[in-house]
Amino acid sequence: ASDVYKRQPKGELKSVVGNLTVMPAQPGKFNQVLDVNPFQVVSYTVVELSSEQGPQQYAVEYDCGGSPVGVNYCLHFMSRSPTMDN
């Protein structure tokens, strides 16, 4: 077997259903609720989408969600290729 497969997670596949709600008055903003915890809402905001075509396409997204133990903030950089130009 290829060395790549040795680094893959092993275990039972799990799924969670999430529902996104578009915030019509705020373009690029969505709220997400997961079926495992319908009382916790996570707010997602698309900060930037690339206007380029091809391998340099990217997106930047910010989200935050609260729980009884605190607030979690995340910034996600997503690309259609494994590396990007500066």
PDB file of N, CA and C in Angstrom:
ATOM      1  N   ALA A   1       0.840  -1.194   0.000  1.00  0.00           N
ATOM      2  CA  ALA A   1       0.000   0.000   0.000  1.00  0.00           C
ATOM      3  C   ALA A   1       0.872   1.240   0.000  1.00  0.00           C
ATOM      4  N   SER A   2       0.334   2.293  -0.586  1.00  0.00           N
ATOM      5  CA  SER A   2       1.051   3.565  -0.647  1.00  0.00           C
ATOM      6  C   SER A   2       1.234   4.134   0.756  1.00  0.00           C
ATOM      7  N   ASP A   3       2.321   4.869   0.934  1.00  0.00           N
ATOM      8  CA  ASP A   3       2.599   5.507   2.223  1.00  0.00           C
ATOM      9  C   ASP A   3       1.499   6.509   2.590  1.00  0.00           C
ATOM     10  N   VAL A   4       0.834   7.087   1.589  1.00  0.00           N
ATOM     11  CA  VAL A   4      -0.238   8.058   1.850  1.00  0.00           C
ATOM     12  C   VAL A   4      -1.343   7.423   2.672  1.00  0.00           C
ATOM     13  N   TYR A   5      -1.693   6.181   2.364  1.00  0.00           N
ATOM     14  CA  TYR A   5      -2.784   5.524   3.073  1.00  0.00           C
ATOM     15  C   TYR A   5      -2.443   5.216   4.525  1.00  0.00           C
ATOM     16  N   LYS A   6      -1.183   5.126   4.864  1.00  0.00           N
ATOM     17  CA  LYS A   6      -0.784   4.878   6.251  1.00  0.00           C
ATOM     18  C   LYS A   6      -1.108   6.063   7.149  1.00  0.00           C
ATOM     19  N   ARG A   7      -1.265   7.263   6.564  1.00  0.00           N
ATOM     20  CA  ARG A   7      -1.525   8.468   7.361  1.00  0.00           C
ATOM     21  C   ARG A   7      -3.001   8.843   7.381  1.00  0.00           C
ATOM     22  N   GLN A   8      -3.843   8.003   6.853  1.00  0.00           N
ATOM     23  CA  GLN A   8      -5.270   8.296   6.811  1.00  0.00           C
ATOM     24  C   GLN A   8      -5.945   7.893   8.119  1.00  0.00           C
ATOM     25  N   PRO A   9      -7.003   8.637   8.507  1.00  0.00           N
ATOM     26  CA  PRO A   9      -7.726   8.247   9.722  1.00  0.00           C
ATOM     27  C   PRO A   9      -8.399   6.897   9.543  1.00  0.00           C
ATOM     28  N   LYS A  10      -8.425   6.158  10.603  1.00  0.00           N
ATOM     29  CA  LYS A  10      -9.087   4.854  10.580  1.00  0.00           C
ATOM     30  C   LYS A  10     -10.214   4.896  11.600  1.00  0.00           C
ATOM     31  N   GLY A  11     -11.298   4.302  11.266  1.00  0.00           N
ATOM     32  CA  GLY A  11     -12.412   4.294  12.194  1.00  0.00           C
ATOM     33  C   GLY A  11     -13.725   4.381  11.456  1.00  0.00           C
ATOM     34  N   GLU A  12     -14.776   4.407  12.211  1.00  0.00           N
ATOM     35  CA  GLU A  12     -16.114   4.425  11.661  1.00  0.00           C
ATOM     36  C   GLU A  12     -16.460   5.817  11.129  1.00  0.00           C
ATOM     37  N   LEU A  13     -17.068   5.867   9.947  1.00  0.00           N
ATOM     38  CA  LEU A  13     -17.501   7.117   9.367  1.00  0.00           C
ATOM     39  C   LEU A  13     -18.679   7.673  10.154  1.00  0.00           C
ATOM     40  N   LYS A  14     -18.600   8.937  10.513  1.00  0.00           N
ATOM     41  CA  LYS A  14     -19.678   9.608  11.250  1.00  0.00           C
ATOM     42  C   LYS A  14     -20.164  10.787  10.425  1.00  0.00           C
ATOM     43  N   SER A  15     -21.424  11.103  10.526  1.00  0.00           N
ATOM     44  CA  SER A  15     -21.996  12.241   9.824  1.00  0.00           C
ATOM     45  C   SER A  15     -22.790  13.102  10.795  1.00  0.00           C
ATOM     46  N   VAL A  16     -22.785  14.391  10.520  1.00  0.00           N
ATOM     47  CA  VAL A  16     -23.592  15.341  11.275  1.00  0.00           C
ATOM     48  C   VAL A  16     -24.277  16.222  10.247  1.00  0.00           C
ATOM     49  N   VAL A  17     -25.557  16.452  10.415  1.00  0.00           N
ATOM     50  CA  VAL A  17     -26.307  17.299   9.492  1.00  0.00           C
ATOM     51  C   VAL A  17     -26.290  18.728  10.013  1.00  0.00           C
ATOM     52  N   GLY A  18     -25.906  19.640   9.139  1.00  0.00           N
ATOM     53  CA  GLY A  18     -25.916  21.052   9.481  1.00  0.00           C
ATOM     54  C   GLY A  18     -26.846  21.802   8.555  1.00  0.00           C
ATOM     55  N   ASN A  19     -27.573  22.740   9.094  1.00  0.00           N
ATOM     56  CA  ASN A  19     -28.487  23.563   8.304  1.00  0.00           C
ATOM     57  C   ASN A  19     -27.976  24.994   8.278  1.00  0.00           C
ATOM     58  N   LEU A  20     -27.772  25.520   7.062  1.00  0.00           N
ATOM     59  CA  LEU A  20     -27.342  26.901   6.894  1.00  0.00           C
ATOM     60  C   LEU A  20     -28.554  27.772   6.606  1.00  0.00           C
ATOM     61  N   THR A  21     -28.593  28.925   7.243  1.00  0.00           N
ATOM     62  CA  THR A  21     -29.632  29.911   6.995  1.00  0.00           C
ATOM     63  C   THR A  21     -28.964  31.161   6.448  1.00  0.00           C
ATOM     64  N   VAL A  22     -29.366  31.585   5.265  1.00  0.00           N
ATOM     65  CA  VAL A  22     -28.827  32.796   4.653  1.00  0.00           C
ATOM     66  C   VAL A  22     -29.409  34.003   5.370  1.00  0.00           C
ATOM     67  N   MET A  23     -28.568  34.984   5.643  1.00  0.00           N
ATOM     68  CA  MET A  23     -29.017  36.223   6.274  1.00  0.00           C
ATOM     69  C   MET A  23     -29.237  37.243   5.151  1.00  0.00           C
ATOM     70  N   PRO A  24     -30.469  37.395   4.647  1.00  0.00           N
ATOM     71  CA  PRO A  24     -30.729  38.192   3.443  1.00  0.00           C
ATOM     72  C   PRO A  24     -30.247  39.641   3.522  1.00  0.00           C
ATOM     73  N   ALA A  25     -30.309  40.244   4.677  1.00  0.00           N
ATOM     74  CA  ALA A  25     -29.897  41.643   4.812  1.00  0.00           C
ATOM     75  C   ALA A  25     -28.383  41.797   4.897  1.00  0.00           C
ATOM     76  N   GLN A  26     -27.638  40.660   4.985  1.00  0.00           N
ATOM     77  CA  GLN A  26     -26.188  40.715   5.141  1.00  0.00           C
ATOM     78  C   GLN A  26     -25.541  39.748   4.142  1.00  0.00           C
ATOM     79  N   PRO A  27     -25.231  40.201   2.926  1.00  0.00           N
ATOM     80  CA  PRO A  27     -24.626  39.310   1.929  1.00  0.00           C
ATOM     81  C   PRO A  27     -23.345  38.653   2.447  1.00  0.00           C
ATOM     82  N   GLY A  28     -23.202  37.359   2.180  1.00  0.00           N
ATOM     83  CA  GLY A  28     -22.022  36.620   2.621  1.00  0.00           C
ATOM     84  C   GLY A  28     -22.102  36.110   4.038  1.00  0.00           C
ATOM     85  N   LYS A  29     -23.222  36.294   4.701  1.00  0.00           N
ATOM     86  CA  LYS A  29     -23.358  35.862   6.101  1.00  0.00           C
ATOM     87  C   LYS A  29     -24.390  34.738   6.190  1.00  0.00           C
ATOM     88  N   PHE A  30     -24.031  33.706   6.975  1.00  0.00           N
ATOM     89  CA  PHE A  30     -24.883  32.537   7.160  1.00  0.00           C
ATOM     90  C   PHE A  30     -24.865  32.142   8.623  1.00  0.00           C
ATOM     91  N   ASN A  31     -25.942  31.549   9.099  1.00  0.00           N
ATOM     92  CA  ASN A  31     -25.971  30.929  10.423  1.00  0.00           C
ATOM     93  C   ASN A  31     -26.098  29.429  10.233  1.00  0.00           C
ATOM     94  N   GLN A  32     -25.384  28.672  11.052  1.00  0.00           N
ATOM     95  CA  GLN A  32     -25.429  27.216  10.963  1.00  0.00           C
ATOM     96  C   GLN A  32     -25.889  26.626  12.277  1.00  0.00           C
ATOM     97  N   VAL A  33     -26.772  25.651  12.182  1.00  0.00           N
ATOM     98  CA  VAL A  33     -27.224  24.888  13.343  1.00  0.00           C
ATOM     99  C   VAL A  33     -27.016  23.413  13.008  1.00  0.00           C
ATOM    100  N   LEU A  34     -26.363  22.672  13.898  1.00  0.00           N
ATOM    101  CA  LEU A  34     -26.139  21.240  13.711  1.00  0.00           C
ATOM    102  C   LEU A  34     -27.251  20.450  14.384  1.00  0.00           C
ATOM    103  N   ASP A  35     -27.596  19.317  13.793  1.00  0.00           N
ATOM    104  CA  ASP A  35     -28.675  18.511  14.369  1.00  0.00           C
ATOM    105  C   ASP A  35     -28.316  17.930  15.736  1.00  0.00           C
ATOM    106  N   VAL A  36     -27.013  17.811  16.043  1.00  0.00           N
ATOM    107  CA  VAL A  36     -26.612  17.258  17.340  1.00  0.00           C
ATOM    108  C   VAL A  36     -26.761  18.271  18.483  1.00  0.00           C
ATOM    109  N   ASN A  37     -26.828  19.574  18.148  1.00  0.00           N
ATOM    110  CA  ASN A  37     -27.007  20.603  19.172  1.00  0.00           C
ATOM    111  C   ASN A  37     -27.782  21.772  18.561  1.00  0.00           C
ATOM    112  N   PRO A  38     -29.100  21.666  18.480  1.00  0.00           N
ATOM    113  CA  PRO A  38     -29.882  22.702  17.805  1.00  0.00           C
ATOM    114  C   PRO A  38     -29.918  24.049  18.530  1.00  0.00           C
ATOM    115  N   PHE A  39     -29.368  24.128  19.731  1.00  0.00           N
ATOM    116  CA  PHE A  39     -29.381  25.383  20.485  1.00  0.00           C
ATOM    117  C   PHE A  39     -28.106  26.191  20.297  1.00  0.00           C
ATOM    118  N   GLN A  40     -27.106  25.633  19.607  1.00  0.00           N
ATOM    119  CA  GLN A  40     -25.854  26.347  19.370  1.00  0.00           C
ATOM    120  C   GLN A  40     -25.821  26.819  17.918  1.00  0.00           C
ATOM    121  N   VAL A  41     -25.815  28.118  17.728  1.00  0.00           N
ATOM    122  CA  VAL A  41     -25.768  28.711  16.395  1.00  0.00           C
ATOM    123  C   VAL A  41     -24.359  29.227  16.152  1.00  0.00           C
ATOM    124  N   VAL A  42     -23.803  28.895  14.982  1.00  0.00           N
ATOM    125  CA  VAL A  42     -22.497  29.407  14.585  1.00  0.00           C
ATOM    126  C   VAL A  42     -22.729  30.371  13.438  1.00  0.00           C
ATOM    127  N   SER A  43     -22.134  31.553  13.530  1.00  0.00           N
ATOM    128  CA  SER A  43     -22.283  32.591  12.518  1.00  0.00           C
ATOM    129  C   SER A  43     -21.075  32.556  11.579  1.00  0.00           C
ATOM    130  N   TYR A  44     -21.323  32.376  10.272  1.00  0.00           N
ATOM    131  CA  TYR A  44     -20.264  32.332   9.254  1.00  0.00           C
ATOM    132  C   TYR A  44     -20.350  33.585   8.391  1.00  0.00           C
ATOM    133  N   THR A  45     -19.194  34.179   8.111  1.00  0.00           N
ATOM    134  CA  THR A  45     -19.132  35.342   7.240  1.00  0.00           C
ATOM    135  C   THR A  45     -18.054  35.116   6.194  1.00  0.00           C
ATOM    136  N   VAL A  46     -18.431  35.170   4.924  1.00  0.00           N
ATOM    137  CA  VAL A  46     -17.450  35.084   3.843  1.00  0.00           C
ATOM    138  C   VAL A  46     -16.791  36.453   3.753  1.00  0.00           C
ATOM    139  N   VAL A  47     -15.483  36.483   4.023  1.00  0.00           N
ATOM    140  CA  VAL A  47     -14.740  37.737   4.053  1.00  0.00           C
ATOM    141  C   VAL A  47     -14.278  38.117   2.658  1.00  0.00           C
ATOM    142  N   GLU A  48     -13.812  37.128   1.889  1.00  0.00           N
ATOM    143  CA  GLU A  48     -13.304  37.412   0.551  1.00  0.00           C
ATOM    144  C   GLU A  48     -13.399  36.163  -0.311  1.00  0.00           C
ATOM    145  N   LEU A  49     -13.740  36.370  -1.576  1.00  0.00           N
ATOM    146  CA  LEU A  49     -13.709  35.330  -2.600  1.00  0.00           C
ATOM    147  C   LEU A  49     -12.832  35.840  -3.728  1.00  0.00           C
ATOM    148  N   SER A  50     -11.974  34.975  -4.254  1.00  0.00           N
ATOM    149  CA  SER A  50     -11.130  35.418  -5.361  1.00  0.00           C
ATOM    150  C   SER A  50     -11.974  35.635  -6.599  1.00  0.00           C
ATOM    151  N   SER A  51     -11.527  36.557  -7.425  1.00  0.00           N
ATOM    152  CA  SER A  51     -12.220  36.810  -8.683  1.00  0.00           C
ATOM    153  C   SER A  51     -11.510  36.111  -9.833  1.00  0.00           C
ATOM    154  N   GLU A  52     -10.390  35.433  -9.531  1.00  0.00           N
ATOM    155  CA  GLU A  52      -9.608  34.739 -10.563  1.00  0.00           C
ATOM    156  C   GLU A  52     -10.227  33.398 -10.909  1.00  0.00           C
ATOM    157  N   GLN A  53      -9.922  32.913 -12.104  1.00  0.00           N
ATOM    158  CA  GLN A  53     -10.298  31.572 -12.516  1.00  0.00           C
ATOM    159  C   GLN A  53      -9.061  30.682 -12.417  1.00  0.00           C
ATOM    160  N   GLY A  54      -9.250  29.392 -12.322  1.00  0.00           N
ATOM    161  CA  GLY A  54      -8.117  28.465 -12.311  1.00  0.00           C
ATOM    162  C   GLY A  54      -7.623  28.135 -10.922  1.00  0.00           C
ATOM    163  N   PRO A  55      -6.339  27.710 -10.837  1.00  0.00           N
ATOM    164  CA  PRO A  55      -5.824  27.173  -9.573  1.00  0.00           C
ATOM    165  C   PRO A  55      -5.642  28.197  -8.455  1.00  0.00           C
ATOM    166  N   GLN A  56      -5.683  29.483  -8.754  1.00  0.00           N
ATOM    167  CA  GLN A  56      -5.500  30.487  -7.705  1.00  0.00           C
ATOM    168  C   GLN A  56      -6.819  30.915  -7.067  1.00  0.00           C
ATOM    169  N   GLN A  57      -7.883  30.167  -7.282  1.00  0.00           N
ATOM    170  CA  GLN A  57      -9.157  30.500  -6.655  1.00  0.00           C
ATOM    171  C   GLN A  57      -9.058  30.227  -5.155  1.00  0.00           C
ATOM    172  N   TYR A  58      -9.612  31.145  -4.356  1.00  0.00           N
ATOM    173  CA  TYR A  58      -9.556  30.983  -2.907  1.00  0.00           C
ATOM    174  C   TYR A  58     -10.767  31.647  -2.263  1.00  0.00           C
ATOM    175  N   ALA A  59     -10.937  31.349  -1.001  1.00  0.00           N
ATOM    176  CA  ALA A  59     -11.966  31.996  -0.189  1.00  0.00           C
ATOM    177  C   ALA A  59     -11.427  32.172   1.221  1.00  0.00           C
ATOM    178  N   VAL A  60     -11.881  33.217   1.889  1.00  0.00           N
ATOM    179  CA  VAL A  60     -11.542  33.456   3.291  1.00  0.00           C
ATOM    180  C   VAL A  60     -12.864  33.580   4.032  1.00  0.00           C
ATOM    181  N   GLU A  61     -12.985  32.842   5.117  1.00  0.00           N
ATOM    182  CA  GLU A  61     -14.237  32.801   5.884  1.00  0.00           C
ATOM    183  C   GLU A  61     -13.915  32.911   7.368  1.00  0.00           C
ATOM    184  N   TYR A  62     -14.771  33.649   8.077  1.00  0.00           N
ATOM    185  CA  TYR A  62     -14.627  33.863   9.523  1.00  0.00           C
ATOM    186  C   TYR A  62     -15.884  33.321  10.183  1.00  0.00           C
ATOM    187  N   ASP A  63     -15.712  32.639  11.314  1.00  0.00           N
ATOM    188  CA  ASP A  63     -16.904  32.200  12.042  1.00  0.00           C
ATOM    189  C   ASP A  63     -16.677  32.280  13.538  1.00  0.00           C
ATOM    190  N   CYS A  64     -17.775  32.348  14.239  1.00  0.00           N
ATOM    191  CA  CYS A  64     -17.711  32.336  15.701  1.00  0.00           C
ATOM    192  C   CYS A  64     -18.988  31.695  16.233  1.00  0.00           C
ATOM    193  N   GLY A  65     -18.840  31.039  17.361  1.00  0.00           N
ATOM    194  CA  GLY A  65     -19.982  30.388  17.997  1.00  0.00           C
ATOM    195  C   GLY A  65     -19.801  30.375  19.494  1.00  0.00           C
ATOM    196  N   GLY A  66     -20.877  30.509  20.197  1.00  0.00           N
ATOM    197  CA  GLY A  66     -20.818  30.529  21.650  1.00  0.00           C
ATOM    198  C   GLY A  66     -21.355  29.253  22.253  1.00  0.00           C
ATOM    199  N   SER A  67     -20.879  28.947  23.428  1.00  0.00           N
ATOM    200  CA  SER A  67     -21.358  27.795  24.185  1.00  0.00           C
ATOM    201  C   SER A  67     -21.266  28.143  25.663  1.00  0.00           C
ATOM    202  N   PRO A  68     -21.765  27.288  26.535  1.00  0.00           N
ATOM    203  CA  PRO A  68     -21.675  27.588  27.978  1.00  0.00           C
ATOM    204  C   PRO A  68     -20.234  27.733  28.481  1.00  0.00           C
ATOM    205  N   VAL A  69     -19.260  27.191  27.757  1.00  0.00           N
ATOM    206  CA  VAL A  69     -17.871  27.279  28.225  1.00  0.00           C
ATOM    207  C   VAL A  69     -17.087  28.409  27.574  1.00  0.00           C
ATOM    208  N   GLY A  70     -17.686  29.150  26.642  1.00  0.00           N
ATOM    209  CA  GLY A  70     -16.980  30.264  26.030  1.00  0.00           C
ATOM    210  C   GLY A  70     -17.357  30.473  24.578  1.00  0.00           C
ATOM    211  N   VAL A  71     -16.551  31.301  23.905  1.00  0.00           N
ATOM    212  CA  VAL A  71     -16.778  31.631  22.509  1.00  0.00           C
ATOM    213  C   VAL A  71     -15.600  31.119  21.692  1.00  0.00           C
ATOM    214  N   ASN A  72     -15.888  30.538  20.533  1.00  0.00           N
ATOM    215  CA  ASN A  72     -14.857  30.008  19.658  1.00  0.00           C
ATOM    216  C   ASN A  72     -14.836  30.836  18.376  1.00  0.00           C
ATOM    217  N   TYR A  73     -13.665  31.390  18.038  1.00  0.00           N
ATOM    218  CA  TYR A  73     -13.491  32.171  16.820  1.00  0.00           C
ATOM    219  C   TYR A  73     -12.557  31.412  15.880  1.00  0.00           C
ATOM    220  N   CYS A  74     -12.871  31.392  14.588  1.00  0.00           N
ATOM    221  CA  CYS A  74     -12.020  30.719  13.605  1.00  0.00           C
ATOM    222  C   CYS A  74     -11.931  31.552  12.336  1.00  0.00           C
ATOM    223  N   LEU A  75     -10.772  31.499  11.695  1.00  0.00           N
ATOM    224  CA  LEU A  75     -10.561  32.114  10.395  1.00  0.00           C
ATOM    225  C   LEU A  75     -10.071  31.011   9.473  1.00  0.00           C
ATOM    226  N   HIS A  76     -10.762  30.803   8.344  1.00  0.00           N
ATOM    227  CA  HIS A  76     -10.427  29.712   7.437  1.00  0.00           C
ATOM    228  C   HIS A  76      -9.972  30.268   6.096  1.00  0.00           C
ATOM    229  N   PHE A  77      -8.836  29.762   5.608  1.00  0.00           N
ATOM    230  CA  PHE A  77      -8.330  30.089   4.284  1.00  0.00           C
ATOM    231  C   PHE A  77      -8.493  28.835   3.440  1.00  0.00           C
ATOM    232  N   MET A  78      -9.229  28.930   2.334  1.00  0.00           N
ATOM    233  CA  MET A  78      -9.505  27.763   1.493  1.00  0.00           C
ATOM    234  C   MET A  78      -9.017  28.038   0.082  1.00  0.00           C
ATOM    235  N   SER A  79      -8.390  27.032  -0.531  1.00  0.00           N
ATOM    236  CA  SER A  79      -7.841  27.187  -1.859  1.00  0.00           C
ATOM    237  C   SER A  79      -8.156  25.960  -2.703  1.00  0.00           C
ATOM    238  N   ARG A  80      -8.265  26.155  -4.012  1.00  0.00           N
ATOM    239  CA  ARG A  80      -8.481  25.031  -4.913  1.00  0.00           C
ATOM    240  C   ARG A  80      -7.183  24.293  -5.219  1.00  0.00           C
ATOM    241  N   SER A  81      -6.054  24.814  -4.776  1.00  0.00           N
ATOM    242  CA  SER A  81      -4.768  24.141  -4.992  1.00  0.00           C
ATOM    243  C   SER A  81      -4.036  24.053  -3.656  1.00  0.00           C
ATOM    244  N   PRO A  82      -3.094  23.086  -3.532  1.00  0.00           N
ATOM    245  CA  PRO A  82      -2.397  22.912  -2.249  1.00  0.00           C
ATOM    246  C   PRO A  82      -1.482  24.073  -1.865  1.00  0.00           C
ATOM    247  N   THR A  83      -1.042  24.864  -2.846  1.00  0.00           N
ATOM    248  CA  THR A  83      -0.199  26.020  -2.550  1.00  0.00           C
ATOM    249  C   THR A  83      -0.748  27.221  -3.311  1.00  0.00           C
ATOM    250  N   MET A  84      -0.385  28.409  -2.832  1.00  0.00           N
ATOM    251  CA  MET A  84      -0.839  29.644  -3.474  1.00  0.00           C
ATOM    252  C   MET A  84       0.316  30.630  -3.563  1.00  0.00           C
ATOM    253  N   ASP A  85       0.214  31.526  -4.539  1.00  0.00           N
ATOM    254  CA  ASP A  85       1.174  32.625  -4.614  1.00  0.00           C
ATOM    255  C   ASP A  85       0.951  33.551  -3.424  1.00  0.00           C
ATOM    256  N   ASN A  86       2.022  34.276  -3.019  1.00  0.00           N
ATOM    257  CA  ASN A  86       1.878  35.232  -1.919  1.00  0.00           C
ATOM    258  C   ASN A  86       0.868  36.300  -2.283  1.00  0.00           C
TER     259      ASN A  86
END
